[in-house]
Amino acid sequence: VPEDTSGPAQLLVTSLDYDPYVGRISLGRLFNGELRRN
């Protein structure tokens, strides 16, 4: 991972799940950057 995490996030979706409360859930590895809720 890069030392600077401020770059664009890169998440590759590799599998799916489903939750009746929140709907479709996408799962994968975050290769770059950070993701934040909302």
Full PDB file with SEQRES, HELIX, SHEET, SSBOND, CRYST1, ORIGX, SCALE, CONECT and MASTER records, all heavy atoms in Angstrom:
SEQRES   1 A   38  VAL PRO GLU ASP THR SER GLY PRO ALA GLN LEU LEU VAL          
SEQRES   2 A   38  THR SER LEU ASP TYR ASP PRO TYR VAL GLY ARG ILE SER          
SEQRES   3 A   38  LEU GLY ARG LEU PHE ASN GLY GLU LEU ARG ARG ASN              
SHEET    1 AA1 2 GLN A  10  ASP A  19  0                                        
SHEET    2 AA1 2 GLY A  23  ASN A  32 -1                                        
CRYST1    1.000    1.000    1.000  90.00  90.00  90.00 P 1           1          
ORIGX1      1.000000  0.000000  0.000000        0.00000                         
ORIGX2      0.000000  1.000000  0.000000        0.00000                         
ORIGX3      0.000000  0.000000  1.000000        0.00000                         
SCALE1      1.000000  0.000000  0.000000        0.00000                         
SCALE2      0.000000  1.000000  0.000000        0.00000                         
SCALE3      0.000000  0.000000  1.000000        0.00000                         
ATOM      1  N   VAL A   1       0.857  -1.186   0.000  1.00  0.00           N  
ATOM      2  CA  VAL A   1       0.000   0.000   0.000  1.00  0.00           C  
ATOM      3  C   VAL A   1       0.898   1.242   0.000  1.00  0.00           C  
ATOM      4  O   VAL A   1       1.988   1.234   0.556  1.00  0.00           O  
ATOM      5  CB  VAL A   1      -0.936   0.034   1.230  1.00  0.00           C  
ATOM      6  CG1 VAL A   1      -1.896  -1.142   1.197  1.00  0.00           C  
ATOM      7  CG2 VAL A   1      -0.151   0.020   2.526  1.00  0.00           C  
ATOM      8  N   PRO A   2       0.442   2.310  -0.641  1.00  0.00           N  
ATOM      9  CA  PRO A   2       1.255   3.533  -0.685  1.00  0.00           C  
ATOM     10  C   PRO A   2       1.328   4.188   0.686  1.00  0.00           C  
ATOM     11  O   PRO A   2       0.408   4.065   1.504  1.00  0.00           O  
ATOM     12  CB  PRO A   2       0.503   4.421  -1.685  1.00  0.00           C  
ATOM     13  CG  PRO A   2      -0.908   3.921  -1.655  1.00  0.00           C  
ATOM     14  CD  PRO A   2      -0.820   2.444  -1.373  1.00  0.00           C  
ATOM     15  N   GLU A   3       2.447   4.888   0.934  1.00  0.00           N  
ATOM     16  CA  GLU A   3       2.585   5.596   2.203  1.00  0.00           C  
ATOM     17  C   GLU A   3       1.534   6.692   2.327  1.00  0.00           C  
ATOM     18  O   GLU A   3       1.022   6.961   3.409  1.00  0.00           O  
ATOM     19  CB  GLU A   3       3.992   6.188   2.315  1.00  0.00           C  
ATOM     20  CG  GLU A   3       5.080   5.139   2.465  1.00  0.00           C  
ATOM     21  CD  GLU A   3       6.445   5.768   2.655  1.00  0.00           C  
ATOM     22  OE1 GLU A   3       6.513   6.990   2.896  1.00  0.00           O  
ATOM     23  OE2 GLU A   3       7.444   5.040   2.559  1.00  0.00           O  
ATOM     24  N   ASP A   4       1.227   7.320   1.204  1.00  0.00           N  
ATOM     25  CA  ASP A   4       0.217   8.374   1.196  1.00  0.00           C  
ATOM     26  C   ASP A   4      -1.145   7.753   0.885  1.00  0.00           C  
ATOM     27  O   ASP A   4      -1.386   7.284  -0.229  1.00  0.00           O  
ATOM     28  CB  ASP A   4       0.570   9.427   0.147  1.00  0.00           C  
ATOM     29  CG  ASP A   4      -0.448  10.565   0.110  1.00  0.00           C  
ATOM     30  OD1 ASP A   4      -1.326  10.606   1.010  1.00  0.00           O  
ATOM     31  OD2 ASP A   4      -0.378  11.399  -0.804  1.00  0.00           O  
ATOM     32  N   THR A   5      -2.031   7.734   1.874  1.00  0.00           N  
ATOM     33  CA  THR A   5      -3.350   7.108   1.685  1.00  0.00           C  
ATOM     34  C   THR A   5      -4.404   8.106   1.222  1.00  0.00           C  
ATOM     35  O   THR A   5      -5.586   7.784   1.183  1.00  0.00           O  
ATOM     36  CB  THR A   5      -3.818   6.453   3.000  1.00  0.00           C  
ATOM     37  OG1 THR A   5      -3.928   7.456   4.022  1.00  0.00           O  
ATOM     38  CG2 THR A   5      -2.857   5.367   3.439  1.00  0.00           C  
ATOM     39  N   SER A   6      -3.969   9.311   0.853  1.00  0.00           N  
ATOM     40  CA  SER A   6      -4.949  10.332   0.468  1.00  0.00           C  
ATOM     41  C   SER A   6      -5.374  10.223  -0.994  1.00  0.00           C  
ATOM     42  O   SER A   6      -6.242  10.961  -1.444  1.00  0.00           O  
ATOM     43  CB  SER A   6      -4.385  11.731   0.733  1.00  0.00           C  
ATOM     44  OG  SER A   6      -3.235  11.952  -0.072  1.00  0.00           O  
ATOM     45  N   GLY A   7      -4.734   9.323  -1.754  1.00  0.00           N  
ATOM     46  CA  GLY A   7      -5.085   9.157  -3.160  1.00  0.00           C  
ATOM     47  C   GLY A   7      -6.448   8.507  -3.309  1.00  0.00           C  
ATOM     48  O   GLY A   7      -7.112   8.143  -2.326  1.00  0.00           O  
ATOM     49  N   PRO A   8      -6.915   8.367  -4.564  1.00  0.00           N  
ATOM     50  CA  PRO A   8      -8.231   7.765  -4.781  1.00  0.00           C  
ATOM     51  C   PRO A   8      -8.293   6.326  -4.292  1.00  0.00           C  
ATOM     52  O   PRO A   8      -7.328   5.571  -4.443  1.00  0.00           O  
ATOM     53  CB  PRO A   8      -8.412   7.856  -6.300  1.00  0.00           C  
ATOM     54  CG  PRO A   8      -7.052   8.058  -6.862  1.00  0.00           C  
ATOM     55  CD  PRO A   8      -6.258   8.767  -5.814  1.00  0.00           C  
ATOM     56  N   ALA A   9      -9.413   5.977  -3.682  1.00  0.00           N  
ATOM     57  CA  ALA A   9      -9.605   4.602  -3.224  1.00  0.00           C  
ATOM     58  C   ALA A   9      -9.787   3.690  -4.427  1.00  0.00           C  
ATOM     59  O   ALA A   9     -10.294   4.096  -5.469  1.00  0.00           O  
ATOM     60  CB  ALA A   9     -10.820   4.511  -2.307  1.00  0.00           C  
ATOM     61  N   GLN A  10      -9.356   2.440  -4.274  1.00  0.00           N  
ATOM     62  CA  GLN A  10      -9.528   1.433  -5.311  1.00  0.00           C  
ATOM     63  C   GLN A  10      -9.988   0.145  -4.640  1.00  0.00           C  
ATOM     64  O   GLN A  10      -9.201  -0.550  -4.002  1.00  0.00           O  
ATOM     65  CB  GLN A  10      -8.219   1.180  -6.061  1.00  0.00           C  
ATOM     66  CG  GLN A  10      -7.739   2.352  -6.899  1.00  0.00           C  
ATOM     67  CD  GLN A  10      -6.390   2.074  -7.516  1.00  0.00           C  
ATOM     68  OE1 GLN A  10      -5.441   1.776  -6.807  1.00  0.00           O  
ATOM     69  NE2 GLN A  10      -6.299   2.161  -8.831  1.00  0.00           N  
ATOM     70  N   LEU A  11     -11.272  -0.155  -4.780  1.00  0.00           N  
ATOM     71  CA  LEU A  11     -11.830  -1.375  -4.210  1.00  0.00           C  
ATOM     72  C   LEU A  11     -12.343  -2.252  -5.346  1.00  0.00           C  
ATOM     73  O   LEU A  11     -13.227  -1.841  -6.103  1.00  0.00           O  
ATOM     74  CB  LEU A  11     -12.979  -1.052  -3.245  1.00  0.00           C  
ATOM     75  CG  LEU A  11     -13.696  -2.267  -2.651  1.00  0.00           C  
ATOM     76  CD1 LEU A  11     -12.818  -2.955  -1.617  1.00  0.00           C  
ATOM     77  CD2 LEU A  11     -15.028  -1.871  -2.015  1.00  0.00           C  
ATOM     78  N   LEU A  12     -11.782  -3.447  -5.493  1.00  0.00           N  
ATOM     79  CA  LEU A  12     -12.236  -4.402  -6.495  1.00  0.00           C  
ATOM     80  C   LEU A  12     -13.235  -5.351  -5.841  1.00  0.00           C  
ATOM     81  O   LEU A  12     -12.901  -6.029  -4.864  1.00  0.00           O  
ATOM     82  CB  LEU A  12     -11.054  -5.188  -7.048  1.00  0.00           C  
ATOM     83  CG  LEU A  12     -11.396  -6.298  -8.053  1.00  0.00           C  
ATOM     84  CD1 LEU A  12     -11.979  -5.712  -9.329  1.00  0.00           C  
ATOM     85  CD2 LEU A  12     -10.159  -7.135  -8.374  1.00  0.00           C  
ATOM     86  N   VAL A  13     -14.454  -5.409  -6.370  1.00  0.00           N  
ATOM     87  CA  VAL A  13     -15.503  -6.253  -5.803  1.00  0.00           C  
ATOM     88  C   VAL A  13     -15.290  -7.688  -6.272  1.00  0.00           C  
ATOM     89  O   VAL A  13     -15.282  -7.966  -7.478  1.00  0.00           O  
ATOM     90  CB  VAL A  13     -16.904  -5.760  -6.222  1.00  0.00           C  
ATOM     91  CG1 VAL A  13     -17.976  -6.686  -5.670  1.00  0.00           C  
ATOM     92  CG2 VAL A  13     -17.115  -4.333  -5.747  1.00  0.00           C  
ATOM     93  N   THR A  14     -15.104  -8.594  -5.315  1.00  0.00           N  
ATOM     94  CA  THR A  14     -14.821  -9.989  -5.670  1.00  0.00           C  
ATOM     95  C   THR A  14     -15.915 -10.950  -5.233  1.00  0.00           C  
ATOM     96  O   THR A  14     -15.939 -12.094  -5.680  1.00  0.00           O  
ATOM     97  CB  THR A  14     -13.482 -10.447  -5.063  1.00  0.00           C  
ATOM     98  OG1 THR A  14     -13.448 -10.079  -3.689  1.00  0.00           O  
ATOM     99  CG2 THR A  14     -12.316  -9.798  -5.772  1.00  0.00           C  
ATOM    100  N   SER A  15     -16.804 -10.542  -4.357  1.00  0.00           N  
ATOM    101  CA  SER A  15     -17.949 -11.394  -4.014  1.00  0.00           C  
ATOM    102  C   SER A  15     -19.063 -10.525  -3.438  1.00  0.00           C  
ATOM    103  O   SER A  15     -18.857  -9.355  -3.114  1.00  0.00           O  
ATOM    104  CB  SER A  15     -17.554 -12.504  -3.029  1.00  0.00           C  
ATOM    105  OG  SER A  15     -17.127 -11.966  -1.802  1.00  0.00           O  
ATOM    106  N   LEU A  16     -20.244 -11.123  -3.338  1.00  0.00           N  
ATOM    107  CA  LEU A  16     -21.434 -10.397  -2.904  1.00  0.00           C  
ATOM    108  C   LEU A  16     -22.096 -11.109  -1.741  1.00  0.00           C  
ATOM    109  O   LEU A  16     -21.973 -12.324  -1.578  1.00  0.00           O  
ATOM    110  CB  LEU A  16     -22.435 -10.273  -4.051  1.00  0.00           C  
ATOM    111  CG  LEU A  16     -21.968  -9.577  -5.328  1.00  0.00           C  
ATOM    112  CD1 LEU A  16     -23.009  -9.725  -6.414  1.00  0.00           C  
ATOM    113  CD2 LEU A  16     -21.670  -8.105  -5.060  1.00  0.00           C  
ATOM    114  N   ASP A  17     -22.809 -10.338  -0.932  1.00  0.00           N  
ATOM    115  CA  ASP A  17     -23.620 -10.881   0.140  1.00  0.00           C  
ATOM    116  C   ASP A  17     -24.910 -10.066   0.170  1.00  0.00           C  
ATOM    117  O   ASP A  17     -25.046  -9.067  -0.534  1.00  0.00           O  
ATOM    118  CB  ASP A  17     -22.876 -10.797   1.473  1.00  0.00           C  
ATOM    119  CG  ASP A  17     -23.434 -11.754   2.526  1.00  0.00           C  
ATOM    120  OD1 ASP A  17     -24.452 -12.425   2.242  1.00  0.00           O  
ATOM    121  OD2 ASP A  17     -22.855 -11.822   3.616  1.00  0.00           O  
ATOM    122  N   TYR A  18     -25.841 -10.495   0.980  1.00  0.00           N  
ATOM    123  CA  TYR A  18     -27.107  -9.755   1.075  1.00  0.00           C  
ATOM    124  C   TYR A  18     -27.559  -9.726   2.522  1.00  0.00           C  
ATOM    125  O   TYR A  18     -27.444 -10.714   3.252  1.00  0.00           O  
ATOM    126  CB  TYR A  18     -28.183 -10.407   0.201  1.00  0.00           C  
ATOM    127  CG  TYR A  18     -29.481  -9.621   0.206  1.00  0.00           C  
ATOM    128  CD1 TYR A  18     -29.634  -8.492  -0.587  1.00  0.00           C  
ATOM    129  CD2 TYR A  18     -30.532  -9.988   1.042  1.00  0.00           C  
ATOM    130  CE1 TYR A  18     -30.798  -7.748  -0.573  1.00  0.00           C  
ATOM    131  CE2 TYR A  18     -31.707  -9.257   1.079  1.00  0.00           C  
ATOM    132  CZ  TYR A  18     -31.840  -8.138   0.268  1.00  0.00           C  
ATOM    133  OH  TYR A  18     -32.999  -7.402   0.302  1.00  0.00           O  
ATOM    134  N   ASP A  19     -28.046  -8.577   2.939  1.00  0.00           N  
ATOM    135  CA  ASP A  19     -28.589  -8.409   4.282  1.00  0.00           C  
ATOM    136  C   ASP A  19     -29.988  -7.810   4.142  1.00  0.00           C  
ATOM    137  O   ASP A  19     -30.155  -6.811   3.432  1.00  0.00           O  
ATOM    138  CB  ASP A  19     -27.687  -7.472   5.100  1.00  0.00           C  
ATOM    139  CG  ASP A  19     -28.147  -7.344   6.535  1.00  0.00           C  
ATOM    140  OD1 ASP A  19     -29.163  -6.648   6.768  1.00  0.00           O  
ATOM    141  OD2 ASP A  19     -27.495  -7.907   7.435  1.00  0.00           O  
ATOM    142  N   PRO A  20     -30.997  -8.390   4.795  1.00  0.00           N  
ATOM    143  CA  PRO A  20     -32.362  -7.877   4.618  1.00  0.00           C  
ATOM    144  C   PRO A  20     -32.533  -6.437   5.092  1.00  0.00           C  
ATOM    145  O   PRO A  20     -33.471  -5.760   4.673  1.00  0.00           O  
ATOM    146  CB  PRO A  20     -33.211  -8.849   5.446  1.00  0.00           C  
ATOM    147  CG  PRO A  20     -32.258  -9.524   6.368  1.00  0.00           C  
ATOM    148  CD  PRO A  20     -30.951  -9.573   5.664  1.00  0.00           C  
ATOM    149  N   TYR A  21     -31.630  -5.953   5.937  1.00  0.00           N  
ATOM    150  CA  TYR A  21     -31.766  -4.597   6.469  1.00  0.00           C  
ATOM    151  C   TYR A  21     -31.038  -3.564   5.615  1.00  0.00           C  
ATOM    152  O   TYR A  21     -31.501  -2.436   5.467  1.00  0.00           O  
ATOM    153  CB  TYR A  21     -31.237  -4.537   7.904  1.00  0.00           C  
ATOM    154  CG  TYR A  21     -32.031  -5.392   8.854  1.00  0.00           C  
ATOM    155  CD1 TYR A  21     -31.544  -6.627   9.276  1.00  0.00           C  
ATOM    156  CD2 TYR A  21     -33.278  -4.987   9.333  1.00  0.00           C  
ATOM    157  CE1 TYR A  21     -32.273  -7.436  10.138  1.00  0.00           C  
ATOM    158  CE2 TYR A  21     -34.020  -5.782  10.188  1.00  0.00           C  
ATOM    159  CZ  TYR A  21     -33.516  -7.000  10.589  1.00  0.00           C  
ATOM    160  OH  TYR A  21     -34.243  -7.793  11.435  1.00  0.00           O  
ATOM    161  N   VAL A  22     -29.877  -3.933   5.075  1.00  0.00           N  
ATOM    162  CA  VAL A  22     -29.078  -2.932   4.352  1.00  0.00           C  
ATOM    163  C   VAL A  22     -28.954  -3.260   2.864  1.00  0.00           C  
ATOM    164  O   VAL A  22     -28.352  -2.490   2.113  1.00  0.00           O  
ATOM    165  CB  VAL A  22     -27.669  -2.790   4.977  1.00  0.00           C  
ATOM    166  CG1 VAL A  22     -27.775  -2.306   6.410  1.00  0.00           C  
ATOM    167  CG2 VAL A  22     -26.881  -4.091   4.894  1.00  0.00           C  
ATOM    168  N   GLY A  23     -29.507  -4.381   2.416  1.00  0.00           N  
ATOM    169  CA  GLY A  23     -29.495  -4.703   0.998  1.00  0.00           C  
ATOM    170  C   GLY A  23     -28.220  -5.398   0.560  1.00  0.00           C  
ATOM    171  O   GLY A  23     -27.571  -6.103   1.350  1.00  0.00           O  
ATOM    172  N   ARG A  24     -27.861  -5.171  -0.683  1.00  0.00           N  
ATOM    173  CA  ARG A  24     -26.699  -5.847  -1.260  1.00  0.00           C  
ATOM    174  C   ARG A  24     -25.406  -5.355  -0.627  1.00  0.00           C  
ATOM    175  O   ARG A  24     -25.216  -4.153  -0.418  1.00  0.00           O  
ATOM    176  CB  ARG A  24     -26.668  -5.617  -2.773  1.00  0.00           C  
ATOM    177  CG  ARG A  24     -25.533  -6.332  -3.478  1.00  0.00           C  
ATOM    178  CD  ARG A  24     -25.629  -6.216  -4.991  1.00  0.00           C  
ATOM    179  NE  ARG A  24     -26.759  -6.963  -5.521  1.00  0.00           N  
ATOM    180  CZ  ARG A  24     -26.862  -7.335  -6.792  1.00  0.00           C  
ATOM    181  NH1 ARG A  24     -25.914  -7.011  -7.644  1.00  0.00           N  
ATOM    182  NH2 ARG A  24     -27.911  -8.001  -7.216  1.00  0.00           N  
ATOM    183  N   ILE A  25     -24.525  -6.298  -0.328  1.00  0.00           N  
ATOM    184  CA  ILE A  25     -23.225  -5.985   0.271  1.00  0.00           C  
ATOM    185  C   ILE A  25     -22.138  -6.460  -0.684  1.00  0.00           C  
ATOM    186  O   ILE A  25     -22.153  -7.614  -1.117  1.00  0.00           O  
ATOM    187  CB  ILE A  25     -23.072  -6.669   1.647  1.00  0.00           C  
ATOM    188  CG1 ILE A  25     -24.115  -6.118   2.626  1.00  0.00           C  
ATOM    189  CG2 ILE A  25     -21.666  -6.471   2.198  1.00  0.00           C  
ATOM    190  CD1 ILE A  25     -24.151  -6.846   3.955  1.00  0.00           C  
ATOM    191  N   SER A  26     -21.250  -5.572  -1.039  1.00  0.00           N  
ATOM    192  CA  SER A  26     -20.149  -5.917  -1.943  1.00  0.00           C  
ATOM    193  C   SER A  26     -18.859  -6.044  -1.142  1.00  0.00           C  
ATOM    194  O   SER A  26     -18.526  -5.176  -0.329  1.00  0.00           O  
ATOM    195  CB  SER A  26     -20.004  -4.853  -3.032  1.00  0.00           C  
ATOM    196  OG  SER A  26     -20.062  -3.549  -2.493  1.00  0.00           O  
ATOM    197  N   LEU A  27     -18.149  -7.131  -1.393  1.00  0.00           N  
ATOM    198  CA  LEU A  27     -16.953  -7.447  -0.612  1.00  0.00           C  
ATOM    199  C   LEU A  27     -15.743  -7.474  -1.521  1.00  0.00           C  
ATOM    200  O   LEU A  27     -15.807  -7.963  -2.649  1.00  0.00           O  
ATOM    201  CB  LEU A  27     -17.143  -8.809   0.059  1.00  0.00           C  
ATOM    202  CG  LEU A  27     -16.038  -9.323   0.970  1.00  0.00           C  
ATOM    203  CD1 LEU A  27     -16.659 -10.181   2.064  1.00  0.00           C  
ATOM    204  CD2 LEU A  27     -15.009 -10.165   0.203  1.00  0.00           C  
ATOM    205  N   GLY A  28     -14.634  -6.930  -1.034  1.00  0.00           N  
ATOM    206  CA  GLY A  28     -13.411  -6.973  -1.823  1.00  0.00           C  
ATOM    207  C   GLY A  28     -12.236  -6.436  -1.038  1.00  0.00           C  
ATOM    208  O   GLY A  28     -12.348  -6.098   0.143  1.00  0.00           O  
ATOM    209  N   ARG A  29     -11.123  -6.368  -1.716  1.00  0.00           N  
ATOM    210  CA  ARG A  29      -9.909  -5.856  -1.089  1.00  0.00           C  
ATOM    211  C   ARG A  29      -9.717  -4.396  -1.498  1.00  0.00           C  
ATOM    212  O   ARG A  29      -9.849  -4.046  -2.663  1.00  0.00           O  
ATOM    213  CB  ARG A  29      -8.706  -6.680  -1.533  1.00  0.00           C  
ATOM    214  CG  ARG A  29      -7.389  -6.108  -1.043  1.00  0.00           C  
ATOM    215  CD  ARG A  29      -6.263  -7.068  -1.271  1.00  0.00           C  
ATOM    216  NE  ARG A  29      -4.988  -6.431  -1.012  1.00  0.00           N  
ATOM    217  CZ  ARG A  29      -3.832  -7.066  -0.973  1.00  0.00           C  
ATOM    218  NH1 ARG A  29      -3.802  -8.358  -1.185  1.00  0.00           N  
ATOM    219  NH2 ARG A  29      -2.714  -6.428  -0.733  1.00  0.00           N  
ATOM    220  N   LEU A  30      -9.399  -3.569  -0.527  1.00  0.00           N  
ATOM    221  CA  LEU A  30      -9.121  -2.157  -0.779  1.00  0.00           C  
ATOM    222  C   LEU A  30      -7.634  -2.011  -1.096  1.00  0.00           C  
ATOM    223  O   LEU A  30      -6.780  -2.156  -0.225  1.00  0.00           O  
ATOM    224  CB  LEU A  30      -9.506  -1.318   0.440  1.00  0.00           C  
ATOM    225  CG  LEU A  30      -9.389   0.198   0.300  1.00  0.00           C  
ATOM    226  CD1 LEU A  30     -10.224   0.699  -0.874  1.00  0.00           C  
ATOM    227  CD2 LEU A  30      -9.810   0.890   1.584  1.00  0.00           C  
ATOM    228  N   PHE A  31      -7.335  -1.772  -2.377  1.00  0.00           N  
ATOM    229  CA  PHE A  31      -5.946  -1.736  -2.812  1.00  0.00           C  
ATOM    230  C   PHE A  31      -5.280  -0.391  -2.522  1.00  0.00           C  
ATOM    231  O   PHE A  31      -4.067  -0.322  -2.374  1.00  0.00           O  
ATOM    232  CB  PHE A  31      -5.865  -2.013  -4.320  1.00  0.00           C  
ATOM    233  CG  PHE A  31      -6.077  -3.453  -4.670  1.00  0.00           C  
ATOM    234  CD1 PHE A  31      -7.351  -3.920  -4.957  1.00  0.00           C  
ATOM    235  CD2 PHE A  31      -5.021  -4.346  -4.689  1.00  0.00           C  
ATOM    236  CE1 PHE A  31      -7.557  -5.260  -5.270  1.00  0.00           C  
ATOM    237  CE2 PHE A  31      -5.216  -5.682  -5.005  1.00  0.00           C  
ATOM    238  CZ  PHE A  31      -6.493  -6.138  -5.300  1.00  0.00           C  
ATOM    239  N   ASN A  32      -6.065   0.670  -2.503  1.00  0.00           N  
ATOM    240  CA  ASN A  32      -5.463   1.998  -2.424  1.00  0.00           C  
ATOM    241  C   ASN A  32      -6.437   2.944  -1.740  1.00  0.00           C  
ATOM    242  O   ASN A  32      -7.648   2.760  -1.811  1.00  0.00           O  
ATOM    243  CB  ASN A  32      -5.160   2.497  -3.849  1.00  0.00           C  
ATOM    244  CG  ASN A  32      -4.090   3.563  -3.861  1.00  0.00           C  
ATOM    245  OD1 ASN A  32      -3.666   4.044  -2.817  1.00  0.00           O  
ATOM    246  ND2 ASN A  32      -3.651   3.942  -5.048  1.00  0.00           N  
ATOM    247  N   GLY A  33      -5.915   3.958  -1.062  1.00  0.00           N  
ATOM    248  CA  GLY A  33      -6.767   4.980  -0.472  1.00  0.00           C  
ATOM    249  C   GLY A  33      -7.604   4.471   0.680  1.00  0.00           C  
ATOM    250  O   GLY A  33      -7.499   3.324   1.106  1.00  0.00           O  
ATOM    251  N   GLU A  34      -8.439   5.339   1.196  1.00  0.00           N  
ATOM    252  CA  GLU A  34      -9.343   5.009   2.296  1.00  0.00           C  
ATOM    253  C   GLU A  34     -10.789   5.202   1.859  1.00  0.00           C  
ATOM    254  O   GLU A  34     -11.086   6.027   0.999  1.00  0.00           O  
ATOM    255  CB  GLU A  34      -9.070   5.912   3.505  1.00  0.00           C  
ATOM    256  CG  GLU A  34      -7.719   5.683   4.157  1.00  0.00           C  
ATOM    257  CD  GLU A  34      -7.503   6.581   5.367  1.00  0.00           C  
ATOM    258  OE1 GLU A  34      -8.216   7.609   5.494  1.00  0.00           O  
ATOM    259  OE2 GLU A  34      -6.627   6.265   6.184  1.00  0.00           O  
ATOM    260  N   LEU A  35     -11.668   4.420   2.450  1.00  0.00           N  
ATOM    261  CA  LEU A  35     -13.108   4.622   2.269  1.00  0.00           C  
ATOM    262  C   LEU A  35     -13.705   5.004   3.610  1.00  0.00           C  
ATOM    263  O   LEU A  35     -13.288   4.493   4.652  1.00  0.00           O  
ATOM    264  CB  LEU A  35     -13.773   3.346   1.745  1.00  0.00           C  
ATOM    265  CG  LEU A  35     -13.470   2.930   0.305  1.00  0.00           C  
ATOM    266  CD1 LEU A  35     -14.164   1.618  -0.011  1.00  0.00           C  
ATOM    267  CD2 LEU A  35     -13.901   4.007  -0.686  1.00  0.00           C  
ATOM    268  N   ARG A  36     -14.711   5.895   3.563  1.00  0.00           N  
ATOM    269  CA  ARG A  36     -15.356   6.332   4.798  1.00  0.00           C  
ATOM    270  C   ARG A  36     -16.862   6.147   4.688  1.00  0.00           C  
ATOM    271  O   ARG A  36     -17.439   6.263   3.606  1.00  0.00           O  
ATOM    272  CB  ARG A  36     -15.023   7.807   5.094  1.00  0.00           C  
ATOM    273  CG  ARG A  36     -13.551   8.017   5.353  1.00  0.00           C  
ATOM    274  CD  ARG A  36     -13.204   9.460   5.671  1.00  0.00           C  
ATOM    275  NE  ARG A  36     -11.774   9.588   5.916  1.00  0.00           N  
ATOM    276  CZ  ARG A  36     -11.194   9.368   7.089  1.00  0.00           C  
ATOM    277  NH1 ARG A  36     -11.948   9.045   8.147  1.00  0.00           N  
ATOM    278  NH2 ARG A  36      -9.895   9.483   7.243  1.00  0.00           N  
ATOM    279  N   ARG A  37     -17.469   5.877   5.822  1.00  0.00           N  
ATOM    280  CA  ARG A  37     -18.920   5.728   5.874  1.00  0.00           C  
ATOM    281  C   ARG A  37     -19.614   6.994   5.356  1.00  0.00           C  
ATOM    282  O   ARG A  37     -19.178   8.111   5.632  1.00  0.00           O  
ATOM    283  CB  ARG A  37     -19.328   5.462   7.331  1.00  0.00           C  
ATOM    284  CG  ARG A  37     -20.798   5.143   7.510  1.00  0.00           C  
ATOM    285  CD  ARG A  37     -21.210   5.420   8.953  1.00  0.00           C  
ATOM    286  NE  ARG A  37     -20.449   4.653   9.918  1.00  0.00           N  
ATOM    287  CZ  ARG A  37     -20.969   3.703  10.697  1.00  0.00           C  
ATOM    288  NH1 ARG A  37     -22.239   3.393  10.607  1.00  0.00           N  
ATOM    289  NH2 ARG A  37     -20.221   3.063  11.575  1.00  0.00           N  
ATOM    290  N   ASN A  38     -20.679   6.810   4.582  1.00  0.00           N  
ATOM    291  CA  ASN A  38     -21.495   7.900   4.028  1.00  0.00           C  
ATOM    292  C   ASN A  38     -20.727   8.798   3.059  1.00  0.00           C  
ATOM    293  O   ASN A  38     -21.156   9.924   2.780  1.00  0.00           O  
ATOM    294  CB  ASN A  38     -22.107   8.752   5.146  1.00  0.00           C  
ATOM    295  CG  ASN A  38     -23.083   7.954   5.987  1.00  0.00           C  
ATOM    296  OD1 ASN A  38     -23.790   7.082   5.473  1.00  0.00           O  
ATOM    297  ND2 ASN A  38     -23.128   8.243   7.281  1.00  0.00           N  
TER     298      ASN A  38                                                      
MASTER        0    0    0    0    2    0    0    6  297    1    0    3          
END                                                                             
